[in-house]
Amino acid sequence: MMKIWGRANSSNVQKPLWFCEEAGIEYERIDVGGAFGRTREPFYLAMNPNSLVPTLEEEDGFVLWESNTIARYLADKHKTHDWYPTDPRERAVVEQWMDWSTSVLAAAITPAFWGLIRTPEAQRDPKAILASAEKCASAAAILDAQLRERSYVCGETPTLADISVGINSYRWLHLPWHLVGYTRPELPALQAWYERLTTRPAYRKVVMIDLT
C-alpha cells in the first residue's frame, strides 16, 4: 500500500491526505516529523533530503516530496481531472492558486501560527503575531475577492487549489487571535466558501482537527 510519511497535524501533510480521502485512494500514514522526530534518520533522509514532511512512498519504491507536487501527481495518476484539469489554462490557474497558497497565504500565517500555538505564552512576541495577522488579512482579502463570483477557488467545483488554500484558511479562521487582541475582518465570500468545505467529510476528517 502507498505510504504517506508525516504527522496528521502538518498542513502540508494534510494536502495529500485530504485529496486521498476525496478520491478514495488507499494509503497508510506514518507519523514522522515534529514531536515524532525521525526525519533526520538516515532511512528518511534517503527518501527526503530536506528532512521535511510529507514524503510519498509507492509500493514499487517510487518516492516523491513537496506537498503540492504529491497532490498533482496523485490526481494525474488516478485521472481525477475534476480536481486537476487537463486543459492547459485551467490547470495553470489551479496551479497558480496552489503556489499562491504556499508563497503568500502560508508564509503570512506561519509566524502567527507558531507564536500562538507552538510558543509558550511568556515567550510570545505580540508585535510579530500582529504583523503576521495583517499580512494574513491582506491575503485573505485577495481570496475573498476571488470567491465573490464562484463557489470554489477556480470555479463551481472544488479543485486541488481548494485543497491547498482550504487548509491554510482553516488556520486563519481558527487561530486564537483574541490572545493578542486582534479581530479578523469580515470576509463574507471566504466564509461562505469555508462553510461549503465543512460539508465535505474528507475536510472534516483531515483538516478540522485541533491546531497543535
Protein backbone atom coordinates (compact mmCIF):
# COMPACT_ATOMS: atom_id res chain seq x y z
CA MET A 1 0.00 0.00 0.00
CA MET A 2 1.14 3.55 -0.71
CA LYS A 3 2.65 5.28 2.31
CA ILE A 4 2.43 8.93 3.29
CA TRP A 5 5.10 9.84 5.80
CA GLY A 6 4.14 12.75 8.04
CA ARG A 7 2.23 13.79 11.13
CA ALA A 8 -1.51 14.45 10.86
CA ASN A 9 -1.31 17.99 12.27
CA SER A 10 1.01 19.23 9.50
CA SER A 11 -0.75 21.48 7.00
CA ASN A 12 1.47 20.15 4.22
CA VAL A 13 0.76 16.52 5.09
CA GLN A 14 -2.95 17.30 5.10
CA LYS A 15 -2.87 18.18 1.38
CA PRO A 16 -2.29 14.64 0.07
CA LEU A 17 -4.35 13.16 2.91
CA TRP A 18 -7.39 15.27 2.08
CA PHE A 19 -7.06 14.50 -1.62
CA CYS A 20 -6.72 10.77 -1.00
CA GLU A 21 -9.88 10.83 1.11
CA GLU A 22 -11.76 12.71 -1.63
CA ALA A 23 -10.53 10.39 -4.39
CA GLY A 24 -10.87 7.13 -2.46
CA ILE A 25 -7.15 6.37 -2.69
CA GLU A 26 -5.92 3.89 -0.11
CA TYR A 27 -2.87 4.88 1.89
CA GLU A 28 -1.00 4.24 5.09
CA ARG A 29 0.07 7.30 7.03
CA ILE A 30 3.18 7.02 9.22
CA ASP A 31 3.93 9.53 11.96
CA VAL A 32 7.21 11.39 11.45
CA GLY A 33 8.20 14.99 12.00
CA GLY A 34 7.52 17.37 14.86
CA ALA A 35 7.22 15.56 18.18
CA PHE A 36 7.64 12.22 16.40
CA GLY A 37 11.09 13.07 15.04
CA ARG A 38 12.76 10.53 12.70
CA THR A 39 13.09 12.92 9.74
CA ARG A 40 16.85 13.19 10.30
CA GLU A 41 17.37 9.46 10.46
CA PRO A 42 19.32 8.01 7.52
CA PHE A 43 16.39 5.99 6.17
CA TYR A 44 14.23 9.12 5.93
CA LEU A 45 16.92 11.40 4.55
CA ALA A 46 17.46 8.82 1.81
CA MET A 47 13.86 9.46 0.75
CA ASN A 48 13.66 13.17 1.50
CA PRO A 49 16.98 15.01 1.88
CA ASN A 50 15.10 18.11 3.08
CA SER A 51 14.18 16.37 6.37
CA LEU A 52 10.62 17.64 5.93
CA VAL A 53 7.14 16.15 5.60
CA PRO A 54 5.29 14.82 3.71
CA THR A 55 7.01 12.14 1.71
CA LEU A 56 5.11 9.78 -0.59
CA GLU A 57 6.42 6.24 -0.95
CA GLU A 58 4.85 3.93 -3.51
CA GLU A 59 4.90 0.14 -3.21
CA ASP A 60 7.44 -0.13 -6.03
CA GLY A 61 9.84 2.22 -4.24
CA PHE A 62 8.97 5.42 -6.09
CA VAL A 63 9.41 8.38 -3.74
CA LEU A 64 8.16 11.95 -4.04
CA TRP A 65 8.26 15.02 -1.80
CA GLU A 66 6.77 18.54 -1.85
CA SER A 67 3.12 18.56 -0.86
CA ASN A 68 1.64 20.33 -3.90
CA THR A 69 3.64 18.10 -6.23
CA ILE A 70 2.41 14.98 -4.44
CA ALA A 71 -1.20 16.14 -4.79
CA ARG A 72 -0.76 16.86 -8.50
CA TYR A 73 0.95 13.52 -9.08
CA LEU A 74 -1.83 11.60 -7.37
CA ALA A 75 -4.51 13.47 -9.30
CA ASP A 76 -2.79 12.67 -12.60
CA LYS A 77 -2.09 9.07 -11.68
CA HIS A 78 -5.68 8.39 -10.66
CA LYS A 79 -7.11 10.50 -13.50
CA THR A 80 -9.20 12.65 -11.18
CA HIS A 81 -9.30 15.53 -13.63
CA ASP A 82 -12.27 17.18 -12.00
CA TRP A 83 -9.76 18.07 -9.28
CA TYR A 84 -6.87 18.77 -11.67
CA PRO A 85 -7.99 19.79 -15.18
CA THR A 86 -6.16 18.69 -18.31
CA ASP A 87 -6.82 21.92 -20.21
CA PRO A 88 -3.52 23.86 -20.02
CA ARG A 89 -5.09 27.16 -18.99
CA GLU A 90 -7.48 25.68 -16.47
CA ARG A 91 -4.66 23.61 -14.99
CA ALA A 92 -2.37 26.64 -14.82
CA VAL A 93 -4.97 28.60 -12.84
CA VAL A 94 -5.31 25.73 -10.36
CA GLU A 95 -1.52 25.59 -10.00
CA GLN A 96 -1.37 29.37 -9.64
CA TRP A 97 -3.59 29.26 -6.57
CA MET A 98 -1.78 26.26 -5.14
CA ASP A 99 1.50 28.16 -5.40
CA TRP A 100 -0.12 31.31 -4.02
CA SER A 101 -1.32 29.38 -1.01
CA THR A 102 2.25 28.35 -0.26
CA SER A 103 4.14 31.52 -1.13
CA VAL A 104 1.63 34.11 0.15
CA LEU A 105 -1.02 32.73 2.49
CA ALA A 106 1.05 30.10 4.30
CA ALA A 107 4.04 32.43 4.50
CA ALA A 108 1.82 35.11 6.06
CA ILE A 109 0.24 32.85 8.64
CA THR A 110 3.26 30.83 9.76
CA PRO A 111 4.65 33.38 12.28
CA ALA A 112 1.24 33.75 13.92
CA PHE A 113 0.65 30.00 13.99
CA TRP A 114 3.97 29.35 15.67
CA GLY A 115 3.53 32.29 18.02
CA LEU A 116 0.00 31.43 19.12
CA ILE A 117 0.07 27.63 19.02
CA ARG A 118 3.62 26.41 19.49
CA THR A 119 5.19 29.11 21.64
CA PRO A 120 4.67 29.32 25.43
CA GLU A 121 2.68 32.40 26.42
CA ALA A 122 5.60 34.01 28.25
CA GLN A 123 7.77 33.79 25.14
CA ARG A 124 5.27 35.14 22.59
CA ASP A 125 6.08 38.19 20.51
CA PRO A 126 2.72 40.00 20.14
CA LYS A 127 4.17 42.52 17.68
CA ALA A 128 5.34 39.75 15.33
CA ILE A 129 2.00 37.94 15.66
CA LEU A 130 0.04 41.11 14.85
CA ALA A 131 2.27 41.80 11.85
CA SER A 132 1.52 38.26 10.67
CA ALA A 133 -2.19 38.87 11.22
CA GLU A 134 -2.15 41.93 8.98
CA LYS A 135 -0.36 40.02 6.22
CA CYS A 136 -2.93 37.24 6.56
CA ALA A 137 -5.77 39.73 6.30
CA SER A 138 -4.32 41.12 3.06
CA ALA A 139 -4.00 37.63 1.61
CA ALA A 140 -7.47 36.64 2.81
CA ALA A 141 -8.94 39.73 1.11
CA ILE A 142 -7.45 38.57 -2.20
CA LEU A 143 -9.05 35.16 -1.69
CA ASP A 144 -12.39 36.72 -0.71
CA ALA A 145 -12.41 38.76 -3.94
CA GLN A 146 -11.70 35.61 -5.97
CA LEU A 147 -14.62 33.81 -4.32
CA ARG A 148 -17.26 36.50 -4.78
CA GLU A 149 -18.43 35.20 -8.17
CA ARG A 150 -17.67 31.49 -7.85
CA SER A 151 -18.40 28.71 -5.38
CA TYR A 152 -14.83 27.43 -5.21
CA VAL A 153 -11.43 28.96 -5.87
CA CYS A 154 -11.34 28.12 -9.58
CA GLY A 155 -15.00 27.69 -10.45
CA GLU A 156 -18.13 25.83 -9.45
CA THR A 157 -16.45 22.61 -8.34
CA PRO A 158 -13.51 22.09 -5.97
CA THR A 159 -10.02 21.51 -7.30
CA LEU A 160 -6.55 20.99 -5.88
CA ALA A 161 -6.47 24.75 -5.40
CA ASP A 162 -9.19 24.45 -2.76
CA ILE A 163 -7.17 21.79 -1.01
CA SER A 164 -4.05 23.94 -0.71
CA VAL A 165 -5.93 27.13 0.11
CA GLY A 166 -8.54 25.45 2.30
CA ILE A 167 -6.01 24.04 4.73
CA ASN A 168 -4.28 27.37 5.31
CA SER A 169 -7.62 29.17 5.50
CA TYR A 170 -8.73 26.85 8.30
CA ARG A 171 -5.80 28.12 10.35
CA TRP A 172 -6.60 31.74 9.51
CA LEU A 173 -10.18 31.24 10.67
CA HIS A 174 -9.39 29.27 13.83
CA LEU A 175 -6.24 30.69 15.34
CA PRO A 176 -6.89 32.27 18.78
CA TRP A 177 -6.33 35.82 17.58
CA HIS A 178 -8.03 37.18 20.70
CA LEU A 179 -4.90 36.30 22.67
CA VAL A 180 -3.18 39.28 21.05
CA GLY A 181 -6.27 41.47 20.83
CA TYR A 182 -6.78 41.01 17.10
CA THR A 183 -10.16 40.72 15.34
CA ARG A 184 -10.31 39.17 11.89
CA PRO A 185 -12.01 41.28 9.21
CA GLU A 186 -15.39 40.15 7.93
CA LEU A 187 -14.96 38.40 4.57
CA PRO A 188 -18.37 37.02 3.54
CA ALA A 189 -17.35 35.20 0.35
CA LEU A 190 -14.44 33.46 2.05
CA GLN A 191 -16.68 32.49 4.97
CA ALA A 192 -19.36 31.08 2.66
CA TRP A 193 -16.72 29.05 0.79
CA TYR A 194 -15.38 27.73 4.10
CA GLU A 195 -18.90 26.66 5.09
CA ARG A 196 -19.14 24.71 1.84
CA LEU A 197 -15.86 22.97 2.63
CA THR A 198 -17.13 21.96 6.07
CA THR A 199 -19.87 19.87 4.42
CA ARG A 200 -17.21 17.60 2.91
CA PRO A 201 -16.45 14.53 5.08
CA ALA A 202 -12.83 14.47 3.91
CA TYR A 203 -12.29 18.07 5.00
CA ARG A 204 -13.83 17.42 8.39
CA LYS A 205 -11.75 14.29 8.88
CA VAL A 206 -8.36 15.59 7.79
CA VAL A 207 -8.36 19.37 8.29
CA MET A 208 -10.88 20.19 11.01
CA ILE A 209 -8.75 19.00 13.90
CA ASP A 210 -7.23 20.81 16.85
CA LEU A 211 -4.41 23.15 15.94
CA THR A 212 -1.28 21.80 17.58
